[in-house]
N, C-alpha and C. Protein backbone atom coordinates (compact mmCIF):
# COMPACT_ATOMS: atom_id res chain seq x y z
N MET A 1 137.73 129.90 222.71
CA MET A 1 138.79 130.35 221.87
C MET A 1 138.72 129.61 220.54
N HIS A 2 138.89 130.34 219.50
CA HIS A 2 138.85 129.76 218.15
C HIS A 2 140.25 129.50 217.65
N SER A 3 140.34 128.45 216.97
CA SER A 3 141.63 128.09 216.39
C SER A 3 141.93 129.00 215.22
N ALA A 4 143.12 129.35 215.03
CA ALA A 4 143.52 130.24 213.96
C ALA A 4 143.47 129.54 212.61
N SER A 5 143.64 128.27 212.61
CA SER A 5 143.61 127.57 211.32
C SER A 5 142.23 126.94 211.13
N ARG A 6 141.57 127.37 210.14
CA ARG A 6 140.27 126.79 209.77
C ARG A 6 140.46 125.82 208.63
N ARG A 7 139.71 124.79 208.73
CA ARG A 7 139.81 123.80 207.67
C ARG A 7 138.77 124.13 206.61
N THR A 8 139.19 124.35 205.41
CA THR A 8 138.25 124.62 204.33
C THR A 8 138.00 123.33 203.57
N ARG A 9 136.79 123.19 203.08
CA ARG A 9 136.43 121.99 202.34
C ARG A 9 136.12 122.38 200.91
N GLY A 10 136.40 121.48 200.00
CA GLY A 10 136.14 121.73 198.59
C GLY A 10 137.23 121.11 197.74
N PHE A 11 137.13 121.35 196.43
CA PHE A 11 138.08 120.80 195.48
C PHE A 11 138.93 121.93 194.92
N THR A 12 140.14 121.60 194.67
CA THR A 12 140.97 122.57 193.96
C THR A 12 140.76 122.34 192.47
N LEU A 13 141.15 123.28 191.68
CA LEU A 13 141.03 123.17 190.23
C LEU A 13 141.83 121.97 189.72
N ILE A 14 142.96 121.70 190.27
CA ILE A 14 143.79 120.57 189.85
C ILE A 14 143.09 119.25 190.16
N GLU A 15 142.49 119.14 191.34
CA GLU A 15 141.76 117.91 191.68
C GLU A 15 140.58 117.69 190.74
N LEU A 16 139.88 118.74 190.41
CA LEU A 16 138.74 118.63 189.49
C LEU A 16 139.21 118.20 188.10
N MET A 17 140.30 118.76 187.61
CA MET A 17 140.83 118.39 186.30
C MET A 17 141.31 116.95 186.28
N MET A 18 141.91 116.48 187.34
CA MET A 18 142.36 115.08 187.42
C MET A 18 141.16 114.13 187.42
N THR A 19 140.13 114.50 188.14
CA THR A 19 138.91 113.68 188.17
C THR A 19 138.28 113.59 186.79
N LEU A 20 138.20 114.71 186.10
CA LEU A 20 137.65 114.72 184.75
C LEU A 20 138.51 113.92 183.78
N ALA A 21 139.81 113.97 183.94
CA ALA A 21 140.71 113.20 183.07
C ALA A 21 140.50 111.70 183.28
N VAL A 22 140.40 111.27 184.53
CA VAL A 22 140.16 109.85 184.82
C VAL A 22 138.81 109.44 184.25
N PHE A 23 137.79 110.27 184.42
CA PHE A 23 136.45 109.98 183.89
C PHE A 23 136.50 109.85 182.36
N ALA A 24 137.23 110.73 181.68
CA ALA A 24 137.33 110.68 180.23
C ALA A 24 138.01 109.40 179.75
N VAL A 25 139.05 108.98 180.44
CA VAL A 25 139.75 107.74 180.08
C VAL A 25 138.82 106.54 180.27
N LEU A 26 138.13 106.48 181.39
CA LEU A 26 137.20 105.37 181.64
C LEU A 26 136.08 105.34 180.62
N THR A 27 135.58 106.49 180.25
CA THR A 27 134.51 106.57 179.25
C THR A 27 135.03 106.11 177.89
N ALA A 28 136.22 106.52 177.53
CA ALA A 28 136.80 106.11 176.25
C ALA A 28 136.99 104.61 176.17
N VAL A 29 137.26 103.97 177.29
CA VAL A 29 137.43 102.52 177.32
C VAL A 29 136.07 101.82 177.31
N ALA A 30 135.09 102.38 178.00
CA ALA A 30 133.79 101.71 178.18
C ALA A 30 132.87 101.83 176.96
N VAL A 31 132.91 102.92 176.23
CA VAL A 31 131.96 103.13 175.12
C VAL A 31 132.07 102.06 174.03
N PRO A 32 133.26 101.70 173.55
CA PRO A 32 133.31 100.63 172.55
C PRO A 32 132.78 99.30 173.08
N ALA A 33 133.06 98.99 174.32
CA ALA A 33 132.56 97.75 174.90
C ALA A 33 131.04 97.77 175.00
N LEU A 34 130.48 98.91 175.32
CA LEU A 34 129.03 99.05 175.40
C LEU A 34 128.41 98.89 174.01
N GLY A 35 129.05 99.45 173.00
CA GLY A 35 128.55 99.29 171.63
C GLY A 35 128.54 97.84 171.20
N SER A 36 129.58 97.12 171.53
CA SER A 36 129.66 95.70 171.20
C SER A 36 128.59 94.92 171.95
N LEU A 37 128.34 95.27 173.19
CA LEU A 37 127.29 94.61 173.98
C LEU A 37 125.92 94.85 173.36
N ILE A 38 125.66 96.06 172.92
CA ILE A 38 124.37 96.38 172.30
C ILE A 38 124.20 95.59 171.00
N GLU A 39 125.24 95.54 170.17
CA GLU A 39 125.15 94.79 168.91
C GLU A 39 124.96 93.29 169.16
N SER A 40 125.63 92.77 170.15
CA SER A 40 125.48 91.37 170.50
C SER A 40 124.05 91.08 170.97
N THR A 41 123.49 91.99 171.74
CA THR A 41 122.12 91.83 172.22
C THR A 41 121.12 91.90 171.08
N GLU A 42 121.33 92.83 170.15
CA GLU A 42 120.43 92.92 168.99
C GLU A 42 120.47 91.64 168.17
N SER A 43 121.65 91.08 167.99
CA SER A 43 121.81 89.85 167.23
C SER A 43 121.11 88.68 167.93
N ARG A 44 121.31 88.54 169.23
CA ARG A 44 120.66 87.47 169.99
C ARG A 44 119.14 87.63 169.98
N THR A 45 118.66 88.86 170.07
CA THR A 45 117.22 89.11 170.05
C THR A 45 116.63 88.70 168.71
N ALA A 46 117.30 89.05 167.62
CA ALA A 46 116.82 88.68 166.28
C ALA A 46 116.82 87.16 166.12
N ARG A 47 117.87 86.49 166.57
CA ARG A 47 117.94 85.02 166.50
C ARG A 47 116.78 84.40 167.27
N SER A 48 116.55 84.88 168.47
CA SER A 48 115.48 84.34 169.30
C SER A 48 114.11 84.55 168.66
N ALA A 49 113.90 85.73 168.08
CA ALA A 49 112.62 86.01 167.41
C ALA A 49 112.41 85.08 166.22
N LEU A 50 113.48 84.82 165.47
CA LEU A 50 113.37 83.92 164.32
C LEU A 50 113.12 82.48 164.78
N ILE A 51 113.81 82.04 165.80
CA ILE A 51 113.60 80.69 166.33
C ILE A 51 112.16 80.54 166.80
N THR A 52 111.65 81.54 167.50
CA THR A 52 110.26 81.51 167.97
C THR A 52 109.30 81.42 166.81
N ALA A 53 109.52 82.20 165.76
CA ALA A 53 108.64 82.18 164.59
C ALA A 53 108.67 80.82 163.90
N LEU A 54 109.85 80.25 163.74
CA LEU A 54 109.97 78.95 163.09
C LEU A 54 109.31 77.85 163.93
N ASN A 55 109.50 77.91 165.24
CA ASN A 55 108.85 76.93 166.11
C ASN A 55 107.34 77.09 166.12
N THR A 56 106.86 78.34 166.04
CA THR A 56 105.42 78.59 165.96
C THR A 56 104.85 77.94 164.71
N ALA A 57 105.53 78.11 163.59
CA ALA A 57 105.06 77.50 162.34
C ALA A 57 105.04 75.98 162.45
N ARG A 58 106.08 75.42 162.99
CA ARG A 58 106.17 73.96 163.10
C ARG A 58 105.09 73.41 164.03
N ILE A 59 104.91 74.03 165.17
CA ILE A 59 103.91 73.56 166.14
C ILE A 59 102.51 73.65 165.56
N HIS A 60 102.19 74.77 164.90
CA HIS A 60 100.85 74.90 164.30
C HIS A 60 100.64 73.87 163.19
N ALA A 61 101.67 73.64 162.39
CA ALA A 61 101.54 72.64 161.32
C ALA A 61 101.23 71.27 161.90
N ALA A 62 101.97 70.89 162.93
CA ALA A 62 101.81 69.55 163.50
C ALA A 62 100.53 69.41 164.32
N THR A 63 100.17 70.42 165.10
CA THR A 63 98.99 70.29 165.97
C THR A 63 97.68 70.52 165.23
N LYS A 64 97.69 71.33 164.19
CA LYS A 64 96.46 71.63 163.45
C LYS A 64 96.34 70.81 162.17
N ASN A 65 97.38 69.99 161.88
CA ASN A 65 97.40 69.16 160.68
C ASN A 65 97.22 69.99 159.40
N VAL A 66 98.02 71.07 159.31
CA VAL A 66 97.97 71.99 158.17
C VAL A 66 99.39 72.30 157.71
N TYR A 67 99.50 72.98 156.60
CA TYR A 67 100.78 73.52 156.16
C TYR A 67 100.95 74.89 156.81
N ALA A 68 102.16 75.19 157.25
CA ALA A 68 102.47 76.51 157.80
C ALA A 68 103.75 76.99 157.13
N VAL A 69 103.81 78.27 156.87
CA VAL A 69 104.94 78.85 156.14
C VAL A 69 105.52 80.03 156.90
N ALA A 70 106.84 80.11 156.93
CA ALA A 70 107.57 81.28 157.43
C ALA A 70 108.32 81.85 156.24
N CYS A 71 108.20 83.16 156.04
CA CYS A 71 108.89 83.78 154.90
C CYS A 71 109.23 85.23 155.21
N PRO A 72 110.25 85.78 154.54
CA PRO A 72 110.58 87.19 154.73
C PRO A 72 109.46 88.05 154.15
N SER A 73 109.18 89.17 154.81
CA SER A 73 108.10 90.04 154.34
C SER A 73 108.35 91.47 154.80
N ALA A 74 108.61 92.34 153.86
CA ALA A 74 108.82 93.75 154.20
C ALA A 74 107.50 94.46 154.50
N ASP A 75 106.39 93.99 153.89
CA ASP A 75 105.10 94.66 154.09
C ASP A 75 104.25 94.02 155.19
N ARG A 76 104.74 92.95 155.79
CA ARG A 76 104.07 92.22 156.87
C ARG A 76 102.72 91.62 156.46
N GLU A 77 102.53 91.43 155.16
CA GLU A 77 101.30 90.84 154.64
C GLU A 77 101.58 89.63 153.74
N TYR A 78 102.54 89.80 152.85
CA TYR A 78 102.82 88.77 151.85
C TYR A 78 104.31 88.47 151.81
N CYS A 79 104.64 87.29 151.32
CA CYS A 79 106.03 86.85 151.25
C CYS A 79 106.82 87.65 150.21
N GLY A 80 108.05 87.98 150.56
CA GLY A 80 108.95 88.60 149.60
C GLY A 80 109.74 87.51 148.88
N ARG A 81 110.32 87.85 147.76
CA ARG A 81 111.13 86.89 147.00
C ARG A 81 112.60 87.20 147.24
N THR A 82 113.01 87.03 148.48
CA THR A 82 114.37 87.36 148.88
C THR A 82 114.86 86.37 149.93
N THR A 83 116.15 86.31 150.09
CA THR A 83 116.72 85.48 151.14
C THR A 83 117.11 86.34 152.35
N GLU A 84 116.80 87.63 152.31
CA GLU A 84 117.11 88.53 153.41
C GLU A 84 115.88 88.69 154.30
N TRP A 85 116.02 88.34 155.56
CA TRP A 85 114.90 88.31 156.50
C TRP A 85 114.89 89.49 157.47
N GLN A 86 115.93 90.32 157.50
CA GLN A 86 115.98 91.40 158.48
C GLN A 86 114.89 92.47 158.31
N PRO A 87 114.27 92.65 157.11
CA PRO A 87 113.17 93.62 157.05
C PRO A 87 111.90 93.14 157.76
N GLY A 88 111.91 91.90 158.23
CA GLY A 88 110.76 91.33 158.93
C GLY A 88 110.32 90.05 158.25
N TRP A 89 109.39 89.34 158.87
CA TRP A 89 108.89 88.09 158.31
C TRP A 89 107.48 87.85 158.80
N ILE A 90 106.84 86.90 158.15
CA ILE A 90 105.51 86.47 158.57
C ILE A 90 105.48 84.95 158.68
N VAL A 91 104.56 84.47 159.50
CA VAL A 91 104.28 83.05 159.61
C VAL A 91 102.77 82.93 159.41
N PHE A 92 102.35 82.02 158.52
CA PHE A 92 100.92 81.89 158.26
C PHE A 92 100.53 80.45 158.00
N ILE A 93 99.24 80.18 158.19
CA ILE A 93 98.66 78.89 157.86
C ILE A 93 98.42 78.90 156.35
N ASP A 94 98.99 77.94 155.66
CA ASP A 94 98.86 77.86 154.21
C ASP A 94 97.74 76.86 153.87
N ALA A 95 96.52 77.35 153.87
CA ALA A 95 95.34 76.49 153.72
C ALA A 95 95.33 75.70 152.42
N ASP A 96 95.80 76.32 151.33
CA ASP A 96 95.77 75.61 150.05
C ASP A 96 97.10 74.92 149.72
N GLY A 97 98.10 75.04 150.59
CA GLY A 97 99.35 74.32 150.42
C GLY A 97 100.21 74.76 149.25
N ASP A 98 100.02 76.01 148.78
CA ASP A 98 100.80 76.47 147.64
C ASP A 98 102.06 77.25 148.03
N GLY A 99 102.28 77.47 149.33
CA GLY A 99 103.46 78.19 149.78
C GLY A 99 103.38 79.70 149.65
N VAL A 100 102.22 80.20 149.23
CA VAL A 100 102.02 81.64 149.03
C VAL A 100 100.84 82.08 149.90
N ARG A 101 100.99 83.20 150.59
CA ARG A 101 99.89 83.68 151.43
C ARG A 101 98.82 84.34 150.57
N ASP A 102 97.61 83.82 150.69
CA ASP A 102 96.46 84.41 150.03
C ASP A 102 95.70 85.25 151.05
N ALA A 103 94.80 86.09 150.58
CA ALA A 103 94.10 87.05 151.44
C ALA A 103 93.42 86.41 152.65
N GLY A 104 92.85 85.24 152.52
CA GLY A 104 92.11 84.64 153.63
C GLY A 104 92.94 83.79 154.58
N GLU A 105 94.21 83.63 154.33
CA GLU A 105 95.03 82.74 155.15
C GLU A 105 95.53 83.46 156.41
N LYS A 106 95.35 82.79 157.54
CA LYS A 106 95.59 83.38 158.86
C LYS A 106 97.08 83.59 159.15
N LEU A 107 97.39 84.81 159.60
CA LEU A 107 98.75 85.12 160.06
C LEU A 107 98.91 84.62 161.50
N LEU A 108 100.02 83.93 161.76
CA LEU A 108 100.32 83.44 163.10
C LEU A 108 101.34 84.32 163.81
N ASP A 109 102.23 84.93 163.04
CA ASP A 109 103.29 85.76 163.60
C ASP A 109 103.72 86.79 162.57
N VAL A 110 104.00 87.99 163.05
CA VAL A 110 104.50 89.06 162.20
C VAL A 110 105.68 89.69 162.92
N ALA A 111 106.84 89.70 162.27
CA ALA A 111 108.04 90.28 162.88
C ALA A 111 108.35 91.61 162.24
N GLN A 112 108.74 92.54 163.06
CA GLN A 112 109.15 93.87 162.61
C GLN A 112 110.60 93.81 162.11
N PRO A 113 111.06 94.87 161.44
CA PRO A 113 112.46 94.91 160.99
C PRO A 113 113.42 94.74 162.17
N GLN A 114 114.52 94.11 161.90
CA GLN A 114 115.54 93.84 162.90
C GLN A 114 116.69 94.83 162.71
N PRO A 115 116.74 95.92 163.48
CA PRO A 115 117.75 96.96 163.27
C PRO A 115 119.16 96.49 163.62
N GLY A 116 120.12 96.87 162.79
CA GLY A 116 121.52 96.56 163.06
C GLY A 116 121.91 95.12 162.86
N VAL A 117 121.00 94.32 162.29
CA VAL A 117 121.24 92.89 162.12
C VAL A 117 120.88 92.49 160.70
N ALA A 118 121.63 91.56 160.14
CA ALA A 118 121.26 90.96 158.85
C ALA A 118 120.99 89.48 159.10
N ILE A 119 119.96 88.97 158.43
CA ILE A 119 119.60 87.56 158.51
C ILE A 119 119.43 87.08 157.08
N VAL A 120 120.26 86.14 156.66
CA VAL A 120 120.26 85.67 155.28
C VAL A 120 120.08 84.16 155.28
N SER A 121 119.11 83.69 154.49
CA SER A 121 118.89 82.24 154.39
C SER A 121 119.69 81.67 153.23
N THR A 122 119.76 80.35 153.18
CA THR A 122 120.46 79.63 152.13
C THR A 122 119.99 80.14 150.76
N ALA A 123 120.92 80.24 149.82
CA ALA A 123 120.58 80.72 148.47
C ALA A 123 119.40 79.95 147.91
N GLY A 124 118.43 80.67 147.39
CA GLY A 124 117.26 80.07 146.79
C GLY A 124 116.15 79.71 147.76
N ARG A 125 116.40 79.79 149.06
CA ARG A 125 115.38 79.44 150.06
C ARG A 125 114.71 80.71 150.56
N THR A 126 113.62 81.07 149.96
CA THR A 126 112.89 82.30 150.32
C THR A 126 111.74 82.04 151.27
N ARG A 127 111.59 80.82 151.71
CA ARG A 127 110.54 80.48 152.68
C ARG A 127 110.84 79.12 153.29
N VAL A 128 110.25 78.88 154.44
CA VAL A 128 110.34 77.59 155.09
C VAL A 128 108.91 77.07 155.20
N ILE A 129 108.67 75.92 154.61
CA ILE A 129 107.34 75.33 154.60
C ILE A 129 107.33 74.13 155.53
N TYR A 130 106.42 74.16 156.49
CA TYR A 130 106.25 73.02 157.40
C TYR A 130 105.02 72.24 156.98
N ARG A 131 105.19 70.92 156.90
CA ARG A 131 104.11 70.01 156.51
C ARG A 131 103.24 69.68 157.73
N PRO A 132 102.09 69.06 157.49
CA PRO A 132 101.20 68.71 158.61
C PRO A 132 101.83 67.80 159.67
N ASP A 133 102.90 67.12 159.34
CA ASP A 133 103.57 66.28 160.35
C ASP A 133 104.68 67.03 161.09
N GLY A 134 104.88 68.33 160.78
CA GLY A 134 105.89 69.15 161.45
C GLY A 134 107.25 69.11 160.78
N SER A 135 107.37 68.33 159.71
CA SER A 135 108.66 68.29 159.01
C SER A 135 108.77 69.48 158.06
N SER A 136 109.98 69.75 157.64
CA SER A 136 110.25 70.88 156.75
C SER A 136 110.41 70.38 155.33
N ALA A 137 109.70 71.00 154.42
CA ALA A 137 109.79 70.62 153.01
C ALA A 137 111.13 71.06 152.43
N GLY A 138 111.65 70.30 151.49
CA GLY A 138 112.91 70.64 150.84
C GLY A 138 114.10 70.15 151.63
N SER A 139 115.25 70.71 151.31
CA SER A 139 116.48 70.32 151.99
C SER A 139 116.70 71.19 153.23
N ASN A 140 117.77 70.89 153.96
CA ASN A 140 118.11 71.73 155.11
C ASN A 140 118.23 73.18 154.67
N VAL A 141 117.86 74.08 155.56
CA VAL A 141 118.02 75.50 155.28
C VAL A 141 118.84 76.11 156.42
N THR A 142 119.76 76.98 156.07
CA THR A 142 120.60 77.63 157.07
C THR A 142 120.35 79.13 157.03
N PHE A 143 120.16 79.70 158.21
CA PHE A 143 120.05 81.15 158.36
C PHE A 143 121.34 81.64 158.99
N THR A 144 121.95 82.64 158.38
CA THR A 144 123.15 83.25 158.94
C THR A 144 122.74 84.60 159.52
N VAL A 145 123.08 84.83 160.78
CA VAL A 145 122.74 86.07 161.48
C VAL A 145 124.04 86.79 161.80
N CYS A 146 124.12 88.06 161.42
CA CYS A 146 125.32 88.84 161.71
C CYS A 146 124.94 90.26 162.09
N ASP A 147 125.90 90.98 162.64
CA ASP A 147 125.68 92.37 163.04
C ASP A 147 126.91 93.19 162.67
N ARG A 148 126.96 94.41 163.14
CA ARG A 148 128.04 95.34 162.76
C ARG A 148 129.41 94.94 163.31
N ARG A 149 129.47 93.95 164.18
CA ARG A 149 130.76 93.52 164.70
C ARG A 149 131.57 92.77 163.66
N GLY A 150 130.93 92.34 162.57
CA GLY A 150 131.65 91.70 161.47
C GLY A 150 131.38 90.22 161.33
N PRO A 151 131.86 89.64 160.23
CA PRO A 151 131.62 88.22 159.93
C PRO A 151 132.13 87.25 160.99
N ALA A 152 133.15 87.64 161.73
CA ALA A 152 133.70 86.74 162.75
C ALA A 152 132.69 86.45 163.87
N HIS A 153 131.72 87.33 164.04
CA HIS A 153 130.72 87.16 165.10
C HIS A 153 129.40 86.62 164.57
N ALA A 154 129.37 86.21 163.31
CA ALA A 154 128.13 85.67 162.72
C ALA A 154 127.80 84.32 163.36
N SER A 155 126.52 84.00 163.35
CA SER A 155 126.06 82.70 163.85
C SER A 155 125.08 82.11 162.86
N ALA A 156 124.76 80.85 163.03
CA ALA A 156 123.87 80.19 162.08
C ALA A 156 122.78 79.43 162.82
N LEU A 157 121.63 79.34 162.16
CA LEU A 157 120.52 78.49 162.59
C LEU A 157 120.27 77.53 161.45
N VAL A 158 120.18 76.25 161.75
CA VAL A 158 119.98 75.24 160.72
C VAL A 158 118.67 74.53 161.00
N ILE A 159 117.83 74.43 159.97
CA ILE A 159 116.58 73.68 160.07
C ILE A 159 116.75 72.41 159.26
N ASN A 160 116.60 71.27 159.91
CA ASN A 160 116.77 70.01 159.19
C ASN A 160 115.43 69.57 158.59
N ASN A 161 115.44 68.46 157.88
CA ASN A 161 114.22 67.98 157.22
C ASN A 161 113.13 67.59 158.21
N ALA A 162 113.50 67.25 159.44
CA ALA A 162 112.50 66.94 160.46
C ALA A 162 111.84 68.21 160.99
N GLY A 163 112.39 69.38 160.62
CA GLY A 163 111.82 70.66 161.03
C GLY A 163 112.43 71.26 162.27
N ARG A 164 113.40 70.57 162.87
CA ARG A 164 114.02 71.08 164.09
C ARG A 164 115.06 72.14 163.80
N VAL A 165 115.14 73.13 164.69
CA VAL A 165 116.10 74.22 164.57
C VAL A 165 117.25 73.96 165.53
N ARG A 166 118.47 74.11 165.04
CA ARG A 166 119.65 74.00 165.90
C ARG A 166 120.61 75.13 165.56
N SER A 167 121.47 75.44 166.51
CA SER A 167 122.50 76.46 166.29
C SER A 167 123.68 75.82 165.58
N GLY A 168 124.40 76.65 164.85
CA GLY A 168 125.58 76.16 164.15
C GLY A 168 126.55 77.29 163.89
N THR A 169 127.59 76.96 163.19
CA THR A 169 128.60 77.94 162.80
C THR A 169 128.49 78.13 161.29
N PRO A 170 128.36 79.39 160.84
CA PRO A 170 128.23 79.60 159.41
C PRO A 170 129.56 79.40 158.68
N THR A 171 129.46 79.09 157.41
CA THR A 171 130.67 79.02 156.59
C THR A 171 131.21 80.44 156.43
N THR A 172 132.46 80.54 156.05
CA THR A 172 133.06 81.86 155.84
C THR A 172 132.31 82.61 154.75
N ALA A 173 131.94 81.91 153.67
CA ALA A 173 131.21 82.55 152.57
C ALA A 173 129.85 83.06 153.04
N ALA A 174 129.15 82.27 153.86
CA ALA A 174 127.84 82.70 154.36
C ALA A 174 127.98 83.90 155.28
N ALA A 175 129.00 83.92 156.13
CA ALA A 175 129.22 85.05 157.04
C ALA A 175 129.54 86.32 156.26
N LEU A 176 130.35 86.18 155.20
CA LEU A 176 130.68 87.35 154.37
C LEU A 176 129.46 87.85 153.61
N ALA A 177 128.63 86.94 153.11
CA ALA A 177 127.40 87.33 152.41
C ALA A 177 126.44 88.04 153.35
N CYS A 178 126.38 87.57 154.58
CA CYS A 178 125.53 88.20 155.58
C CYS A 178 126.02 89.62 155.88
N ALA A 179 127.33 89.76 156.07
CA ALA A 179 127.91 91.08 156.33
C ALA A 179 127.66 92.04 155.16
N ALA A 180 127.72 91.51 153.94
CA ALA A 180 127.46 92.34 152.76
C ALA A 180 126.00 92.80 152.74
N ALA A 181 125.09 91.93 153.16
CA ALA A 181 123.66 92.29 153.21
C ALA A 181 123.43 93.38 154.24
N LEU A 182 124.19 93.36 155.31
CA LEU A 182 124.06 94.38 156.36
C LEU A 182 124.51 95.75 155.86
N GLU A 183 125.48 95.75 154.97
CA GLU A 183 126.03 97.02 154.47
C GLU A 183 125.20 97.63 153.36
N GLN A 184 124.25 96.89 152.78
CA GLN A 184 123.44 97.43 151.70
C GLN A 184 122.51 98.52 152.22
N PRO A 185 122.39 99.61 151.48
CA PRO A 185 121.48 100.68 151.92
C PRO A 185 120.03 100.21 151.83
N ARG A 186 119.23 100.65 152.78
CA ARG A 186 117.80 100.30 152.81
C ARG A 186 116.98 101.49 152.35
N ALA A 187 115.95 101.19 151.60
CA ALA A 187 115.06 102.24 151.11
C ALA A 187 114.02 102.57 152.16
């Protein structure tokens, strides 16, 4: 004997609409957080790449008893005359010690553009030169790294005269200058 009441399975239109509404609310909450996570990751990746490049220059200078230079480079061949490093940079052995890459000088590292991130060095510091003892020529240099989250999330890397890199907090002016560099249109 069959029961007169059969149990049907499935969703009603109201249940489906409620599920979609909950999904839409959760998505609206999660998307901004995901964007912030992506920007934070891009910023940390750029910082790490720059730290690696600077340490590569310092290590080569000290172990090979040569001058090594890190500088911003949009063409990945020669140093640019800018304090903005996000278009990329190069690290090279400076055989003649003039701070400029010549055709025969060996490239140690080449960085690609850093999307969504601005990296700005101290005013007037368009390169970091490491001496044969691993120290950095000139005064301390500070790199300010920022992303689309704004100046409040900017960070700094400081290279002292001994050539060591440490993390720091940028000044308000440096964070604002970094954010302004991020907003400039790129060709």
